């Protein structure tokens, strides 16, 4: 289940890159270059985190962790 969310986020990030790619080469002003550089940096962070999650190198977010209730029995 946890891999499905990471895969969906990767697909969404790829779709956003697909939409943004035609506008990136048209950036000529320094402010535009800074924006697209920051955008691509954030894109790489998102992709890296989701790939690490798919490979189970990091813990999934709290909302995606399966809740298992463990009962403890105390013997006195």
N, C-alpha and C. Protein backbone atom coordinates (compact mmCIF):
# COMPACT_ATOMS: atom_id res chain seq x y z
N UNK A 1 0.82 -1.19 0.00
CA UNK A 1 0.00 0.00 0.00
C UNK A 1 0.86 1.25 0.00
N UNK A 2 1.95 1.21 0.77
CA UNK A 2 2.77 2.40 0.89
C UNK A 2 3.48 2.73 -0.41
N UNK A 3 3.81 1.73 -1.19
CA UNK A 3 4.46 1.97 -2.47
C UNK A 3 3.55 2.62 -3.48
N UNK A 4 2.24 2.39 -3.33
CA UNK A 4 1.29 2.99 -4.27
C UNK A 4 1.29 4.52 -4.15
N UNK A 5 1.32 5.03 -2.92
CA UNK A 5 1.33 6.47 -2.73
C UNK A 5 2.60 7.09 -3.28
N UNK A 6 3.73 6.45 -3.04
CA UNK A 6 4.99 6.97 -3.55
C UNK A 6 4.99 6.96 -5.08
N UNK A 7 4.46 5.91 -5.66
CA UNK A 7 4.40 5.82 -7.11
C UNK A 7 3.47 6.90 -7.69
N UNK A 8 2.34 7.12 -7.03
CA UNK A 8 1.43 8.18 -7.48
C UNK A 8 2.08 9.56 -7.39
N UNK A 9 2.84 9.80 -6.32
CA UNK A 9 3.53 11.09 -6.20
C UNK A 9 4.60 11.25 -7.26
N UNK A 10 5.29 10.15 -7.59
CA UNK A 10 6.28 10.21 -8.67
C UNK A 10 5.62 10.50 -10.01
N UNK A 11 4.49 9.88 -10.26
CA UNK A 11 3.78 10.14 -11.52
C UNK A 11 3.28 11.58 -11.58
N UNK A 12 2.80 12.10 -10.47
CA UNK A 12 2.33 13.49 -10.44
C UNK A 12 3.49 14.46 -10.64
N UNK A 13 4.63 14.18 -10.03
CA UNK A 13 5.80 15.04 -10.21
C UNK A 13 6.27 14.98 -11.67
N UNK A 14 6.24 13.79 -12.27
CA UNK A 14 6.60 13.66 -13.69
C UNK A 14 5.65 14.42 -14.59
N UNK A 15 4.37 14.39 -14.25
CA UNK A 15 3.38 15.15 -15.03
C UNK A 15 3.64 16.64 -14.94
N UNK A 16 3.95 17.13 -13.73
CA UNK A 16 4.27 18.55 -13.57
C UNK A 16 5.51 18.93 -14.36
N UNK A 17 6.52 18.05 -14.38
CA UNK A 17 7.71 18.33 -15.17
C UNK A 17 7.37 18.35 -16.65
N UNK A 18 6.50 17.45 -17.07
CA UNK A 18 6.06 17.42 -18.47
C UNK A 18 5.38 18.73 -18.86
N UNK A 19 4.58 19.27 -17.95
CA UNK A 19 3.91 20.54 -18.23
C UNK A 19 4.87 21.72 -18.21
N UNK A 20 5.86 21.68 -17.34
CA UNK A 20 6.77 22.82 -17.18
C UNK A 20 7.91 22.82 -18.18
N UNK A 21 8.25 21.67 -18.73
CA UNK A 21 9.45 21.57 -19.57
C UNK A 21 9.47 22.56 -20.75
N UNK A 22 8.38 22.80 -21.46
CA UNK A 22 8.45 23.75 -22.58
C UNK A 22 8.78 25.18 -22.14
N UNK A 23 8.44 25.56 -20.92
CA UNK A 23 8.68 26.93 -20.46
C UNK A 23 10.10 27.13 -19.92
N UNK A 24 10.76 26.07 -19.54
CA UNK A 24 12.08 26.21 -18.91
C UNK A 24 13.12 26.79 -19.88
N UNK A 25 13.25 26.31 -21.11
CA UNK A 25 14.27 26.89 -22.01
C UNK A 25 13.99 28.34 -22.41
N UNK A 26 12.77 28.81 -22.24
CA UNK A 26 12.44 30.18 -22.62
C UNK A 26 12.84 31.19 -21.55
N UNK A 27 13.30 30.73 -20.40
CA UNK A 27 13.70 31.64 -19.32
C UNK A 27 15.02 32.31 -19.69
N UNK A 28 15.03 33.64 -19.73
CA UNK A 28 16.25 34.37 -20.08
C UNK A 28 16.63 35.38 -19.01
N UNK A 29 15.67 35.87 -18.23
CA UNK A 29 15.97 36.85 -17.19
C UNK A 29 16.50 36.13 -15.96
N UNK A 30 17.35 36.82 -15.19
CA UNK A 30 17.91 36.17 -13.99
C UNK A 30 16.85 35.69 -13.00
N UNK A 31 15.78 36.45 -12.82
CA UNK A 31 14.74 36.03 -11.89
C UNK A 31 14.05 34.77 -12.38
N UNK A 32 13.82 34.66 -13.68
CA UNK A 32 13.22 33.45 -14.24
C UNK A 32 14.14 32.25 -14.06
N UNK A 33 15.43 32.46 -14.27
CA UNK A 33 16.39 31.37 -14.10
C UNK A 33 16.44 30.89 -12.65
N UNK A 34 16.37 31.84 -11.71
CA UNK A 34 16.36 31.47 -10.30
C UNK A 34 15.10 30.67 -9.97
N UNK A 35 13.96 31.12 -10.49
CA UNK A 35 12.71 30.40 -10.24
C UNK A 35 12.79 28.98 -10.77
N UNK A 36 13.19 28.81 -12.02
CA UNK A 36 13.22 27.47 -12.59
C UNK A 36 14.29 26.60 -11.95
N UNK A 37 15.40 27.22 -11.53
CA UNK A 37 16.42 26.45 -10.81
C UNK A 37 15.88 25.94 -9.48
N UNK A 38 15.17 26.81 -8.75
CA UNK A 38 14.57 26.39 -7.48
C UNK A 38 13.49 25.34 -7.72
N UNK A 39 12.71 25.51 -8.78
CA UNK A 39 11.65 24.56 -9.09
C UNK A 39 12.24 23.19 -9.40
N UNK A 40 13.29 23.17 -10.21
CA UNK A 40 13.93 21.89 -10.54
C UNK A 40 14.59 21.26 -9.32
N UNK A 41 15.17 22.10 -8.45
CA UNK A 41 15.74 21.58 -7.20
C UNK A 41 14.69 20.93 -6.32
N UNK A 42 13.53 21.59 -6.19
CA UNK A 42 12.44 21.02 -5.42
C UNK A 42 11.92 19.73 -6.07
N UNK A 43 11.85 19.73 -7.39
CA UNK A 43 11.43 18.52 -8.12
C UNK A 43 12.37 17.35 -7.80
N UNK A 44 13.67 17.61 -7.80
CA UNK A 44 14.63 16.55 -7.50
C UNK A 44 14.49 16.05 -6.07
N UNK A 45 14.20 16.96 -5.13
CA UNK A 45 13.98 16.53 -3.75
C UNK A 45 12.75 15.63 -3.64
N UNK A 46 11.67 16.00 -4.32
CA UNK A 46 10.44 15.21 -4.29
C UNK A 46 10.69 13.83 -4.90
N UNK A 47 11.35 13.80 -6.03
CA UNK A 47 11.61 12.51 -6.70
C UNK A 47 12.54 11.65 -5.84
N UNK A 48 13.58 12.25 -5.28
CA UNK A 48 14.51 11.48 -4.44
C UNK A 48 13.84 10.91 -3.20
N UNK A 49 13.00 11.70 -2.55
CA UNK A 49 12.31 11.22 -1.35
C UNK A 49 11.35 10.09 -1.68
N UNK A 50 10.66 10.19 -2.79
CA UNK A 50 9.71 9.14 -3.15
C UNK A 50 10.40 7.88 -3.63
N UNK A 51 11.52 8.01 -4.29
CA UNK A 51 12.29 6.82 -4.67
C UNK A 51 12.85 6.14 -3.42
N UNK A 52 13.32 6.94 -2.46
CA UNK A 52 13.80 6.36 -1.20
C UNK A 52 12.67 5.66 -0.47
N UNK A 53 11.47 6.22 -0.53
CA UNK A 53 10.32 5.58 0.10
C UNK A 53 9.96 4.28 -0.62
N UNK A 54 10.04 4.28 -1.94
CA UNK A 54 9.76 3.05 -2.70
C UNK A 54 10.77 1.96 -2.37
N UNK A 55 12.02 2.34 -2.21
CA UNK A 55 13.07 1.37 -1.90
C UNK A 55 13.12 1.05 -0.41
N UNK A 56 12.22 1.64 0.36
CA UNK A 56 12.11 1.45 1.80
C UNK A 56 13.39 1.84 2.52
N UNK A 57 14.01 2.93 2.07
CA UNK A 57 15.20 3.44 2.74
C UNK A 57 14.83 4.39 3.87
N UNK A 58 13.61 4.93 3.84
CA UNK A 58 13.15 5.85 4.88
C UNK A 58 11.78 5.39 5.37
N UNK A 59 11.41 5.89 6.55
CA UNK A 59 10.09 5.59 7.09
C UNK A 59 9.03 6.34 6.30
N UNK A 60 7.87 5.76 6.06
CA UNK A 60 6.80 6.48 5.38
C UNK A 60 6.24 7.57 6.29
N UNK A 61 5.54 8.55 5.72
CA UNK A 61 4.92 9.57 6.57
C UNK A 61 3.95 8.93 7.56
N UNK A 62 3.72 9.63 8.67
CA UNK A 62 2.88 9.10 9.75
C UNK A 62 1.50 8.68 9.23
N UNK A 63 0.93 9.46 8.32
CA UNK A 63 -0.41 9.16 7.83
C UNK A 63 -0.46 7.87 7.03
N UNK A 64 0.67 7.44 6.49
CA UNK A 64 0.70 6.24 5.67
C UNK A 64 1.15 5.00 6.43
N UNK A 65 1.57 5.18 7.67
CA UNK A 65 2.00 4.02 8.45
C UNK A 65 0.78 3.26 8.93
N UNK A 66 0.90 1.95 8.87
CA UNK A 66 -0.21 1.12 9.30
C UNK A 66 -0.25 1.10 10.83
N UNK A 67 -1.44 1.26 11.34
CA UNK A 67 -1.62 1.30 12.78
C UNK A 67 -1.90 -0.11 13.28
N UNK A 68 -1.03 -0.58 14.11
CA UNK A 68 -1.24 -1.89 14.71
C UNK A 68 -1.30 -1.72 16.22
N UNK A 69 -2.39 -2.14 16.78
CA UNK A 69 -2.57 -1.99 18.22
C UNK A 69 -2.06 -3.25 18.89
N UNK A 70 -1.09 -3.04 19.73
CA UNK A 70 -0.51 -4.16 20.44
C UNK A 70 -0.97 -4.09 21.89
N UNK A 71 -1.48 -5.19 22.37
CA UNK A 71 -1.91 -5.25 23.76
C UNK A 71 -0.81 -5.86 24.60
N UNK A 72 -0.60 -5.24 25.71
CA UNK A 72 0.37 -5.78 26.65
C UNK A 72 -0.40 -6.40 27.82
N UNK A 73 0.06 -7.51 28.20
CA UNK A 73 -0.53 -8.15 29.38
C UNK A 73 0.49 -8.09 30.50
N UNK A 74 0.01 -7.67 31.63
CA UNK A 74 0.89 -7.56 32.80
C UNK A 74 0.52 -8.66 33.78
N UNK A 75 1.50 -9.40 34.14
CA UNK A 75 1.30 -10.49 35.12
C UNK A 75 1.87 -10.02 36.44
N UNK A 76 0.99 -9.93 37.45
CA UNK A 76 1.45 -9.50 38.76
C UNK A 76 1.43 -10.66 39.70
